[in-house]
Amino acid sequence: MFGIPLIEWIGYLASILIAISMFMKDIVKLRFINLVGSLLFAFYGFSIKAYPVAIINSIIVFINIYYLYKLYNKN
């Protein structure tokens, strides 16, 4: 689309999702949207062999999963 490779669109979408997550007042929405954005960024990073991008975003994915788990299992 528009001469831009699909992998770049994935990177743009990841950036947009992470930016949108920063506007969330609800911590669950913030963590979930950030999780999806970070997952896409990790995929993007591994795809273009940008391992620092891939690794840090993979770590962020696990951090978001951990805190979402804690939020849903408060009892």
N, C-alpha and C. Protein backbone atom coordinates (compact mmCIF):
# COMPACT_ATOMS: atom_id res chain seq x y z
N MET A 1 0.85 -1.18 0.00
CA MET A 1 0.00 0.00 0.00
C MET A 1 0.89 1.24 0.00
N PHE A 2 0.63 2.14 -0.92
CA PHE A 2 1.39 3.39 -1.06
C PHE A 2 2.88 3.16 -1.24
N GLY A 3 3.25 1.98 -1.71
CA GLY A 3 4.66 1.67 -1.92
C GLY A 3 5.45 1.39 -0.66
N ILE A 4 4.76 1.25 0.47
CA ILE A 4 5.43 0.99 1.74
C ILE A 4 5.28 -0.50 2.06
N PRO A 5 6.38 -1.19 2.36
CA PRO A 5 6.29 -2.62 2.68
C PRO A 5 5.43 -2.88 3.91
N LEU A 6 4.78 -4.03 3.93
CA LEU A 6 3.91 -4.41 5.04
C LEU A 6 4.62 -4.32 6.38
N ILE A 7 5.86 -4.73 6.45
CA ILE A 7 6.58 -4.72 7.72
C ILE A 7 6.70 -3.30 8.27
N GLU A 8 6.84 -2.31 7.39
CA GLU A 8 6.89 -0.93 7.86
C GLU A 8 5.54 -0.49 8.41
N TRP A 9 4.45 -0.93 7.77
CA TRP A 9 3.11 -0.62 8.29
C TRP A 9 2.95 -1.20 9.70
N ILE A 10 3.49 -2.38 9.92
CA ILE A 10 3.42 -2.99 11.25
C ILE A 10 4.17 -2.13 12.25
N GLY A 11 5.32 -1.61 11.87
CA GLY A 11 6.09 -0.72 12.75
C GLY A 11 5.33 0.56 13.05
N TYR A 12 4.69 1.13 12.03
CA TYR A 12 3.89 2.35 12.24
C TYR A 12 2.71 2.08 13.17
N LEU A 13 2.02 0.96 12.93
CA LEU A 13 0.88 0.60 13.77
C LEU A 13 1.33 0.41 15.22
N ALA A 14 2.46 -0.25 15.41
CA ALA A 14 3.00 -0.45 16.76
C ALA A 14 3.26 0.89 17.44
N SER A 15 3.86 1.82 16.72
CA SER A 15 4.14 3.15 17.27
C SER A 15 2.86 3.87 17.66
N ILE A 16 1.87 3.80 16.80
CA ILE A 16 0.59 4.48 17.06
C ILE A 16 -0.08 3.87 18.28
N LEU A 17 -0.09 2.55 18.38
CA LEU A 17 -0.73 1.90 19.53
C LEU A 17 -0.04 2.27 20.84
N ILE A 18 1.28 2.29 20.84
CA ILE A 18 2.00 2.65 22.06
C ILE A 18 1.71 4.11 22.43
N ALA A 19 1.66 4.99 21.44
CA ALA A 19 1.34 6.39 21.72
C ALA A 19 -0.07 6.52 22.27
N ILE A 20 -1.03 5.81 21.67
CA ILE A 20 -2.42 5.86 22.14
C ILE A 20 -2.50 5.34 23.57
N SER A 21 -1.74 4.30 23.89
CA SER A 21 -1.81 3.74 25.24
C SER A 21 -1.43 4.76 26.31
N MET A 22 -0.58 5.70 25.96
CA MET A 22 -0.15 6.71 26.93
C MET A 22 -1.26 7.70 27.29
N PHE A 23 -2.32 7.73 26.49
CA PHE A 23 -3.45 8.62 26.77
C PHE A 23 -4.52 7.96 27.63
N MET A 24 -4.40 6.69 27.90
CA MET A 24 -5.41 5.95 28.64
C MET A 24 -5.37 6.31 30.13
N LYS A 25 -6.54 6.58 30.68
CA LYS A 25 -6.63 6.82 32.12
C LYS A 25 -6.85 5.51 32.87
N ASP A 26 -7.44 4.56 32.20
CA ASP A 26 -7.68 3.24 32.78
C ASP A 26 -6.41 2.40 32.61
N ILE A 27 -5.82 1.97 33.70
CA ILE A 27 -4.55 1.25 33.66
C ILE A 27 -4.66 -0.07 32.90
N VAL A 28 -5.82 -0.72 32.96
CA VAL A 28 -5.99 -1.98 32.24
C VAL A 28 -5.95 -1.73 30.74
N LYS A 29 -6.65 -0.69 30.28
CA LYS A 29 -6.62 -0.34 28.86
C LYS A 29 -5.21 0.05 28.43
N LEU A 30 -4.54 0.84 29.27
CA LEU A 30 -3.17 1.25 28.96
C LEU A 30 -2.28 0.03 28.78
N ARG A 31 -2.33 -0.89 29.74
CA ARG A 31 -1.47 -2.07 29.68
C ARG A 31 -1.81 -2.96 28.49
N PHE A 32 -3.11 -3.13 28.20
CA PHE A 32 -3.50 -4.00 27.10
C PHE A 32 -3.08 -3.42 25.75
N ILE A 33 -3.37 -2.14 25.53
CA ILE A 33 -3.00 -1.51 24.25
C ILE A 33 -1.48 -1.47 24.11
N ASN A 34 -0.79 -1.18 25.20
CA ASN A 34 0.67 -1.17 25.17
C ASN A 34 1.22 -2.57 24.90
N LEU A 35 0.57 -3.57 25.46
CA LEU A 35 0.97 -4.96 25.21
C LEU A 35 0.89 -5.29 23.72
N VAL A 36 -0.22 -4.94 23.08
CA VAL A 36 -0.38 -5.22 21.65
C VAL A 36 0.66 -4.44 20.83
N GLY A 37 0.85 -3.17 21.17
CA GLY A 37 1.85 -2.36 20.47
C GLY A 37 3.25 -2.91 20.63
N SER A 38 3.59 -3.32 21.83
CA SER A 38 4.93 -3.88 22.09
C SER A 38 5.11 -5.23 21.40
N LEU A 39 4.05 -6.02 21.35
CA LEU A 39 4.11 -7.29 20.65
C LEU A 39 4.38 -7.07 19.16
N LEU A 40 3.68 -6.10 18.57
CA LEU A 40 3.91 -5.76 17.17
C LEU A 40 5.32 -5.22 16.95
N PHE A 41 5.78 -4.39 17.89
CA PHE A 41 7.14 -3.84 17.77
C PHE A 41 8.19 -4.93 17.90
N ALA A 42 7.96 -5.90 18.77
CA ALA A 42 8.90 -7.02 18.90
C ALA A 42 8.96 -7.80 17.59
N PHE A 43 7.79 -8.08 17.02
CA PHE A 43 7.74 -8.78 15.73
C PHE A 43 8.46 -7.97 14.66
N TYR A 44 8.19 -6.68 14.63
CA TYR A 44 8.84 -5.78 13.68
C TYR A 44 10.36 -5.81 13.86
N GLY A 45 10.81 -5.69 15.09
CA GLY A 45 12.24 -5.69 15.37
C GLY A 45 12.94 -6.97 14.94
N PHE A 46 12.32 -8.11 15.26
CA PHE A 46 12.92 -9.38 14.83
C PHE A 46 12.90 -9.50 13.31
N SER A 47 11.84 -9.00 12.68
CA SER A 47 11.72 -9.11 11.22
C SER A 47 12.78 -8.31 10.48
N ILE A 48 13.14 -7.15 11.02
CA ILE A 48 14.15 -6.32 10.34
C ILE A 48 15.53 -6.49 10.97
N LYS A 49 15.64 -7.47 11.85
CA LYS A 49 16.90 -7.78 12.54
C LYS A 49 17.42 -6.61 13.37
N ALA A 50 16.48 -5.86 13.94
CA ALA A 50 16.82 -4.78 14.88
C ALA A 50 16.63 -5.37 16.28
N TYR A 51 17.60 -6.15 16.71
CA TYR A 51 17.45 -6.92 17.93
C TYR A 51 17.28 -6.09 19.20
N PRO A 52 17.91 -4.93 19.35
CA PRO A 52 17.62 -4.13 20.54
C PRO A 52 16.14 -3.73 20.62
N VAL A 53 15.55 -3.36 19.50
CA VAL A 53 14.12 -3.02 19.45
C VAL A 53 13.29 -4.25 19.82
N ALA A 54 13.63 -5.38 19.24
CA ALA A 54 12.88 -6.61 19.48
C ALA A 54 12.98 -7.06 20.94
N ILE A 55 14.17 -7.00 21.49
CA ILE A 55 14.38 -7.51 22.85
C ILE A 55 13.69 -6.63 23.89
N ILE A 56 13.85 -5.32 23.80
CA ILE A 56 13.22 -4.45 24.81
C ILE A 56 11.71 -4.54 24.73
N ASN A 57 11.16 -4.64 23.52
CA ASN A 57 9.72 -4.74 23.40
C ASN A 57 9.21 -6.11 23.84
N SER A 58 10.00 -7.14 23.67
CA SER A 58 9.63 -8.46 24.20
C SER A 58 9.58 -8.41 25.73
N ILE A 59 10.54 -7.74 26.33
CA ILE A 59 10.54 -7.59 27.79
C ILE A 59 9.31 -6.81 28.23
N ILE A 60 8.97 -5.74 27.52
CA ILE A 60 7.80 -4.93 27.86
C ILE A 60 6.52 -5.76 27.74
N VAL A 61 6.45 -6.65 26.75
CA VAL A 61 5.29 -7.54 26.61
C VAL A 61 5.12 -8.35 27.89
N PHE A 62 6.20 -8.95 28.38
CA PHE A 62 6.10 -9.77 29.59
C PHE A 62 5.78 -8.93 30.83
N ILE A 63 6.29 -7.72 30.90
CA ILE A 63 5.96 -6.84 32.02
C ILE A 63 4.47 -6.52 32.01
N ASN A 64 3.93 -6.19 30.83
CA ASN A 64 2.50 -5.90 30.73
C ASN A 64 1.66 -7.12 31.08
N ILE A 65 2.06 -8.30 30.62
CA ILE A 65 1.32 -9.52 30.97
C ILE A 65 1.34 -9.74 32.48
N TYR A 66 2.49 -9.55 33.10
CA TYR A 66 2.61 -9.73 34.55
C TYR A 66 1.66 -8.81 35.30
N TYR A 67 1.67 -7.51 34.95
CA TYR A 67 0.82 -6.57 35.67
C TYR A 67 -0.66 -6.75 35.34
N LEU A 68 -0.99 -7.14 34.12
CA LEU A 68 -2.39 -7.45 33.81
C LEU A 68 -2.85 -8.65 34.63
N TYR A 69 -1.99 -9.65 34.76
CA TYR A 69 -2.31 -10.82 35.57
C TYR A 69 -2.57 -10.40 37.02
N LYS A 70 -1.68 -9.55 37.56
CA LYS A 70 -1.86 -9.07 38.93
C LYS A 70 -3.15 -8.28 39.09
N LEU A 71 -3.49 -7.45 38.10
CA LEU A 71 -4.71 -6.65 38.18
C LEU A 71 -5.96 -7.52 38.16
N TYR A 72 -5.94 -8.59 37.38
CA TYR A 72 -7.11 -9.45 37.27
C TYR A 72 -7.19 -10.48 38.39
N ASN A 73 -6.13 -10.66 39.14
CA ASN A 73 -6.12 -11.65 40.23
C ASN A 73 -5.80 -11.00 41.56
N LYS A 74 -6.45 -9.88 41.83
CA LYS A 74 -6.22 -9.16 43.10
C LYS A 74 -6.68 -9.98 44.30
N ASN A 75 -7.68 -10.79 44.10
CA ASN A 75 -8.28 -11.52 45.23
C ASN A 75 -7.29 -12.44 45.80
